[in-house]
Amino acid sequence: MVYIMEERKARLKALIKHWIEHSAEHQKTFQKWSEEAEKMNLIETSKYLREAAESVDETIKYLEKALEEM
């Protein structure tokens, strides 16, 4: 039983690390397209993409805290 718990804990840790990396990739993409939208004079679209990128930053911080707690 202890082995199964440790195995599941290791799986969760790996998942959290993956989510952090994956979220960071999305964050960069959102920021890039926010800049592109601004160049196209899509100001509101740019704003919302920038806010999405900032929101992902907050998500990453929570994921990092979860990982630290493990």
Protein backbone atom coordinates (compact mmCIF):
# COMPACT_ATOMS: atom_id res chain seq x y z
CA MET A 1 0.00 0.00 0.00
CA VAL A 2 2.82 2.44 0.85
CA TYR A 3 4.47 1.65 -2.49
CA ILE A 4 1.26 2.50 -4.35
CA MET A 5 0.99 5.83 -2.51
CA GLU A 6 4.60 6.69 -3.34
CA GLU A 7 4.02 5.73 -6.95
CA ARG A 8 0.93 7.94 -7.15
CA LYS A 9 2.79 10.77 -5.45
CA ALA A 10 5.60 10.48 -8.00
CA ARG A 11 3.02 10.52 -10.79
CA LEU A 12 1.39 13.65 -9.39
CA LYS A 13 4.77 15.36 -9.06
CA ALA A 14 5.56 14.55 -12.69
CA LEU A 15 2.16 15.86 -13.78
CA ILE A 16 2.60 19.13 -11.92
CA LYS A 17 6.04 19.63 -13.50
CA HIS A 18 4.52 18.94 -16.92
CA TRP A 19 1.67 21.38 -16.29
CA ILE A 20 4.14 24.10 -15.30
CA GLU A 21 6.17 23.61 -18.48
CA HIS A 22 3.10 23.34 -20.69
CA SER A 23 1.50 26.41 -19.13
CA ALA A 24 4.69 28.40 -19.65
CA GLU A 25 4.63 27.49 -23.34
CA HIS A 26 1.04 28.70 -23.64
CA GLN A 27 1.92 31.87 -21.76
CA LYS A 28 4.66 32.69 -24.28
CA THR A 29 2.29 32.02 -27.16
CA PHE A 30 -0.41 34.26 -25.68
CA GLN A 31 2.13 37.06 -25.20
CA LYS A 32 3.47 36.68 -28.74
CA TRP A 33 -0.01 36.85 -30.23
CA SER A 34 -0.93 39.77 -28.00
CA GLU A 35 1.95 41.68 -29.58
CA GLU A 36 0.87 40.56 -33.07
CA ALA A 37 -2.72 41.63 -32.41
CA GLU A 38 -1.49 45.03 -31.26
CA LYS A 39 0.46 45.42 -34.53
CA MET A 40 -2.79 44.66 -36.38
CA ASN A 41 -4.50 47.39 -34.33
CA LEU A 42 -6.64 44.80 -32.55
CA ILE A 43 -6.22 46.60 -29.28
CA GLU A 44 -8.93 44.84 -27.26
CA THR A 45 -7.85 41.44 -28.55
CA SER A 46 -4.27 42.27 -27.62
CA LYS A 47 -5.40 43.33 -24.15
CA TYR A 48 -7.29 40.09 -23.51
CA LEU A 49 -4.42 37.94 -24.75
CA ARG A 50 -2.04 39.85 -22.46
CA GLU A 51 -4.45 39.32 -19.56
CA ALA A 52 -4.64 35.61 -20.41
CA ALA A 53 -0.84 35.45 -20.30
CA GLU A 54 -0.86 37.15 -16.90
CA SER A 55 -3.52 34.73 -15.69
CA VAL A 56 -1.34 31.80 -16.73
CA ASP A 57 1.49 33.36 -14.72
CA GLU A 58 -0.70 33.17 -11.62
CA THR A 59 -1.59 29.56 -12.43
CA ILE A 60 2.10 28.69 -12.73
CA LYS A 61 2.77 30.24 -9.32
CA TYR A 62 0.08 28.07 -7.73
CA LEU A 63 1.43 24.96 -9.45
CA GLU A 64 4.93 25.76 -8.20
CA LYS A 65 3.58 26.15 -4.67
CA ALA A 66 1.81 22.79 -4.96
CA LEU A 67 5.07 21.20 -6.09
CA GLU A 68 6.98 22.78 -3.20
CA GLU A 69 4.48 21.32 -0.73
CA MET A 70 5.21 17.84 -1.98
